[in-house]
Amino acid sequence: MTEKYKILGQYIKDLSSETPDIETYLYVRDYISKYQLGIDITSKALKNKMIEVNTTFNFRDKSNSKKKSIFEIVFATIIQVNENIRKKEELEKIILCDLQVEIYPKLEKALLNLLHNSGYPDIKFDKKVDFENLYNQRFN
């Protein structure tokens, strides 16, 4: 293994679309442009330098509106880290930045499919998530 890590497997661990009733659907259809993407990344060490990384994308309305839909996807990736990676900082960059950049296109596509199949066919994300920038912001 010459690279820093290798993806051993990836899958959708959890997928959720919740729209409680038709009134909510009609309301959300008109206001879904106000929805925001939230990202959460967790990891769990396994054996043999393997790590399970769970990337959660949730797309929701942050306002106080009573009529809301919730869309969420948890994407699990199992990676094996190169034996030469020993520093915590290097490992953090792999998990929070490098891996995310690699899996983002697949994860974005899955979330868009969820939204389209949930009755919102016109949704698209104009801006891509810049994981490099987000990672660097943590230190400022």
C-alpha atoms as a PDB file:
ATOM      1  CA  MET A   1       0.000   0.000   0.000  1.00  0.00           C
ATOM      2  CA  THR A   2       1.774   3.126  -1.197  1.00  0.00           C
ATOM      3  CA  GLU A   3      -1.122   5.550  -0.691  1.00  0.00           C
ATOM      4  CA  LYS A   4      -2.181   6.795   2.760  1.00  0.00           C
ATOM      5  CA  TYR A   5      -5.311   4.660   2.888  1.00  0.00           C
ATOM      6  CA  LYS A   6      -7.366   2.206   0.874  1.00  0.00           C
ATOM      7  CA  ILE A   7     -11.156   1.946   0.736  1.00  0.00           C
ATOM      8  CA  LEU A   8     -12.151  -1.624   1.556  1.00  0.00           C
ATOM      9  CA  GLY A   9     -15.906  -1.119   1.353  1.00  0.00           C
ATOM     10  CA  GLN A  10     -18.639   1.485   1.303  1.00  0.00           C
ATOM     11  CA  TYR A  11     -22.398   1.363   1.654  1.00  0.00           C
ATOM     12  CA  ILE A  12     -25.483   3.328   2.647  1.00  0.00           C
ATOM     13  CA  LYS A  13     -25.947   2.525   6.320  1.00  0.00           C
ATOM     14  CA  ASP A  14     -29.146   4.517   6.790  1.00  0.00           C
ATOM     15  CA  LEU A  15     -31.458   6.429   4.491  1.00  0.00           C
ATOM     16  CA  SER A  16     -34.391   8.522   5.656  1.00  0.00           C
ATOM     17  CA  SER A  17     -37.001  10.762   4.089  1.00  0.00           C
ATOM     18  CA  GLU A  18     -39.770  12.019   6.347  1.00  0.00           C
ATOM     19  CA  THR A  19     -42.698  14.098   5.140  1.00  0.00           C
ATOM     20  CA  PRO A  20     -45.598  13.636   7.565  1.00  0.00           C
ATOM     21  CA  ASP A  21     -48.537  14.686   5.358  1.00  0.00           C
ATOM     22  CA  ILE A  22     -49.645  16.246   2.056  1.00  0.00           C
ATOM     23  CA  GLU A  23     -49.850  19.769   3.552  1.00  0.00           C
ATOM     24  CA  THR A  24     -46.223  19.498   4.612  1.00  0.00           C
ATOM     25  CA  TYR A  25     -45.214  18.168   1.194  1.00  0.00           C
ATOM     26  CA  LEU A  26     -46.894  21.086  -0.600  1.00  0.00           C
ATOM     27  CA  TYR A  27     -45.327  23.593   1.802  1.00  0.00           C
ATOM     28  CA  VAL A  28     -41.845  22.048   1.546  1.00  0.00           C
ATOM     29  CA  ARG A  29     -42.089  21.928  -2.255  1.00  0.00           C
ATOM     30  CA  ASP A  30     -42.423  25.736  -2.252  1.00  0.00           C
ATOM     31  CA  TYR A  31     -39.761  26.394   0.384  1.00  0.00           C
ATOM     32  CA  ILE A  32     -37.185  23.635  -0.114  1.00  0.00           C
ATOM     33  CA  SER A  33     -34.737  26.206  -1.503  1.00  0.00           C
ATOM     34  CA  LYS A  34     -34.374  27.413   2.110  1.00  0.00           C
ATOM     35  CA  TYR A  35     -33.172  23.994   3.258  1.00  0.00           C
ATOM     36  CA  GLN A  36     -29.539  23.610   4.254  1.00  0.00           C
ATOM     37  CA  LEU A  37     -27.093  20.741   4.097  1.00  0.00           C
ATOM     38  CA  GLY A  38     -25.588  19.605   7.386  1.00  0.00           C
ATOM     39  CA  ILE A  39     -22.605  17.278   7.579  1.00  0.00           C
ATOM     40  CA  ASP A  40     -21.411  15.110  10.441  1.00  0.00           C
ATOM     41  CA  ILE A  41     -18.425  12.756  10.301  1.00  0.00           C
ATOM     42  CA  THR A  42     -17.684  10.107  12.915  1.00  0.00           C
ATOM     43  CA  SER A  43     -15.149   7.305  12.943  1.00  0.00           C
ATOM     44  CA  LYS A  44     -14.558   4.118  14.851  1.00  0.00           C
ATOM     45  CA  ALA A  45     -11.285   2.215  14.992  1.00  0.00           C
ATOM     46  CA  LEU A  46     -11.465  -1.434  13.972  1.00  0.00           C
ATOM     47  CA  LYS A  47      -8.610  -3.945  14.047  1.00  0.00           C
ATOM     48  CA  ASN A  48      -5.651  -4.166  11.636  1.00  0.00           C
ATOM     49  CA  LYS A  49      -5.413  -0.393  11.014  1.00  0.00           C
ATOM     50  CA  MET A  50      -8.990  -0.376   9.701  1.00  0.00           C
ATOM     51  CA  ILE A  51     -11.441   2.424  10.446  1.00  0.00           C
ATOM     52  CA  GLU A  52     -15.178   2.712   9.905  1.00  0.00           C
ATOM     53  CA  VAL A  53     -16.034   6.271   8.848  1.00  0.00           C
ATOM     54  CA  ASN A  54     -19.672   7.357   8.923  1.00  0.00           C
ATOM     55  CA  THR A  55     -20.502  10.478   6.938  1.00  0.00           C
ATOM     56  CA  THR A  56     -23.984  11.866   7.598  1.00  0.00           C
ATOM     57  CA  PHE A  57     -25.631  14.353   5.267  1.00  0.00           C
ATOM     58  CA  ASN A  58     -28.872  15.853   6.494  1.00  0.00           C
ATOM     59  CA  PHE A  59     -30.906  18.268   4.431  1.00  0.00           C
ATOM     60  CA  ARG A  60     -33.367  20.220   6.533  1.00  0.00           C
ATOM     61  CA  ASP A  61     -35.079  23.474   7.291  1.00  0.00           C
ATOM     62  CA  LYS A  62     -33.330  25.302  10.132  1.00  0.00           C
ATOM     63  CA  SER A  63     -36.251  27.728  10.633  1.00  0.00           C
ATOM     64  CA  ASN A  64     -39.017  27.433  13.217  1.00  0.00           C
ATOM     65  CA  SER A  65     -41.595  26.343  10.666  1.00  0.00           C
ATOM     66  CA  LYS A  66     -43.929  23.585  11.854  1.00  0.00           C
ATOM     67  CA  LYS A  67     -44.157  22.067   8.372  1.00  0.00           C
ATOM     68  CA  LYS A  68     -40.872  20.312   7.683  1.00  0.00           C
ATOM     69  CA  SER A  69     -39.484  17.353   5.868  1.00  0.00           C
ATOM     70  CA  ILE A  70     -36.270  15.679   6.933  1.00  0.00           C
ATOM     71  CA  PHE A  71     -33.845  13.986   4.561  1.00  0.00           C
ATOM     72  CA  GLU A  72     -30.829  12.124   5.863  1.00  0.00           C
ATOM     73  CA  ILE A  73     -28.254   9.669   4.605  1.00  0.00           C
ATOM     74  CA  VAL A  74     -25.536   7.908   6.581  1.00  0.00           C
ATOM     75  CA  PHE A  75     -22.782   6.623   4.332  1.00  0.00           C
ATOM     76  CA  ALA A  76     -20.314   4.147   5.844  1.00  0.00           C
ATOM     77  CA  THR A  77     -16.820   3.704   4.454  1.00  0.00           C
ATOM     78  CA  ILE A  78     -14.336   1.123   5.726  1.00  0.00           C
ATOM     79  CA  ILE A  79     -10.742   2.137   5.142  1.00  0.00           C
ATOM     80  CA  GLN A  80      -7.401   0.577   5.906  1.00  0.00           C
ATOM     81  CA  VAL A  81      -4.731   3.074   6.817  1.00  0.00           C
ATOM     82  CA  ASN A  82      -1.114   2.713   5.699  1.00  0.00           C
ATOM     83  CA  GLU A  83       1.143   1.430   8.500  1.00  0.00           C
ATOM     84  CA  ASN A  84       3.356   4.526   8.151  1.00  0.00           C
ATOM     85  CA  ILE A  85       0.525   6.823   9.256  1.00  0.00           C
ATOM     86  CA  ARG A  86       1.126   7.315  12.970  1.00  0.00           C
ATOM     87  CA  LYS A  87       0.336  10.939  13.754  1.00  0.00           C
ATOM     88  CA  LYS A  88      -3.157  11.845  14.943  1.00  0.00           C
ATOM     89  CA  GLU A  89      -3.124  14.938  12.671  1.00  0.00           C
ATOM     90  CA  GLU A  90      -2.427  12.822   9.576  1.00  0.00           C
ATOM     91  CA  LEU A  91      -5.232  10.438  10.459  1.00  0.00           C
ATOM     92  CA  GLU A  92      -7.647  13.318  11.046  1.00  0.00           C
ATOM     93  CA  LYS A  93      -6.857  14.792   7.631  1.00  0.00           C
ATOM     94  CA  ILE A  94      -7.470  11.406   5.965  1.00  0.00           C
ATOM     95  CA  ILE A  95     -10.847  10.935   7.704  1.00  0.00           C
ATOM     96  CA  LEU A  96     -12.152  14.510   7.586  1.00  0.00           C
ATOM     97  CA  CYS A  97     -10.737  15.674   4.268  1.00  0.00           C
ATOM     98  CA  ASP A  98      -9.056  13.226   1.876  1.00  0.00           C
ATOM     99  CA  LEU A  99     -11.638  10.437   2.193  1.00  0.00           C
ATOM    100  CA  GLN A 100     -14.556  12.891   2.088  1.00  0.00           C
ATOM    101  CA  VAL A 101     -13.304  14.436  -1.152  1.00  0.00           C
ATOM    102  CA  GLU A 102     -13.106  10.938  -2.646  1.00  0.00           C
ATOM    103  CA  ILE A 103     -16.584   9.733  -1.583  1.00  0.00           C
ATOM    104  CA  TYR A 104     -18.436  13.053  -1.988  1.00  0.00           C
ATOM    105  CA  PRO A 105     -19.645  12.514  -5.591  1.00  0.00           C
ATOM    106  CA  LYS A 106     -21.247   9.177  -4.648  1.00  0.00           C
ATOM    107  CA  LEU A 107     -22.767  10.595  -1.469  1.00  0.00           C
ATOM    108  CA  GLU A 108     -24.137  13.704  -3.211  1.00  0.00           C
ATOM    109  CA  LYS A 109     -25.690  11.538  -5.923  1.00  0.00           C
ATOM    110  CA  ALA A 110     -27.353   9.300  -3.318  1.00  0.00           C
ATOM    111  CA  LEU A 111     -28.787  12.320  -1.454  1.00  0.00           C
ATOM    112  CA  LEU A 112     -30.076  13.863  -4.694  1.00  0.00           C
ATOM    113  CA  ASN A 113     -31.680  10.527  -5.645  1.00  0.00           C
ATOM    114  CA  LEU A 114     -33.372  10.457  -2.229  1.00  0.00           C
ATOM    115  CA  LEU A 115     -34.703  14.001  -2.713  1.00  0.00           C
ATOM    116  CA  HIS A 116     -35.849  13.327  -6.289  1.00  0.00           C
ATOM    117  CA  ASN A 117     -37.548  10.063  -5.292  1.00  0.00           C
ATOM    118  CA  SER A 118     -39.206  11.860  -2.359  1.00  0.00           C
ATOM    119  CA  GLY A 119     -41.092  14.136  -4.761  1.00  0.00           C
ATOM    120  CA  TYR A 120     -38.648  17.011  -5.258  1.00  0.00           C
ATOM    121  CA  PRO A 121     -37.294  16.371  -8.791  1.00  0.00           C
ATOM    122  CA  ASP A 122     -35.940  19.879  -9.383  1.00  0.00           C
ATOM    123  CA  ILE A 123     -33.484  19.951  -6.476  1.00  0.00           C
ATOM    124  CA  LYS A 124     -29.816  20.250  -7.308  1.00  0.00           C
ATOM    125  CA  PHE A 125     -26.797  21.448  -5.363  1.00  0.00           C
ATOM    126  CA  ASP A 126     -25.123  24.376  -7.087  1.00  0.00           C
ATOM    127  CA  LYS A 127     -22.130  24.454  -4.768  1.00  0.00           C
ATOM    128  CA  LYS A 128     -19.958  21.453  -4.024  1.00  0.00           C
ATOM    129  CA  VAL A 129     -18.797  20.897  -0.454  1.00  0.00           C
ATOM    130  CA  ASP A 130     -15.175  22.006  -0.115  1.00  0.00           C
ATOM    131  CA  PHE A 131     -13.837  19.561   2.475  1.00  0.00           C
ATOM    132  CA  GLU A 132     -10.304  20.942   2.159  1.00  0.00           C
ATOM    133  CA  ASN A 133     -11.563  24.399   3.115  1.00  0.00           C
ATOM    134  CA  LEU A 134     -13.773  23.054   5.934  1.00  0.00           C
ATOM    135  CA  TYR A 135     -10.846  21.074   7.306  1.00  0.00           C
ATOM    136  CA  ASN A 136      -8.548  24.097   7.252  1.00  0.00           C
ATOM    137  CA  GLN A 137     -11.192  26.316   8.909  1.00  0.00           C
ATOM    138  CA  ARG A 138     -11.063  24.092  11.982  1.00  0.00           C
ATOM    139  CA  PHE A 139      -7.656  25.513  12.831  1.00  0.00           C
ATOM    140  CA  ASN A 140      -8.531  29.198  12.462  1.00  0.00           C
END
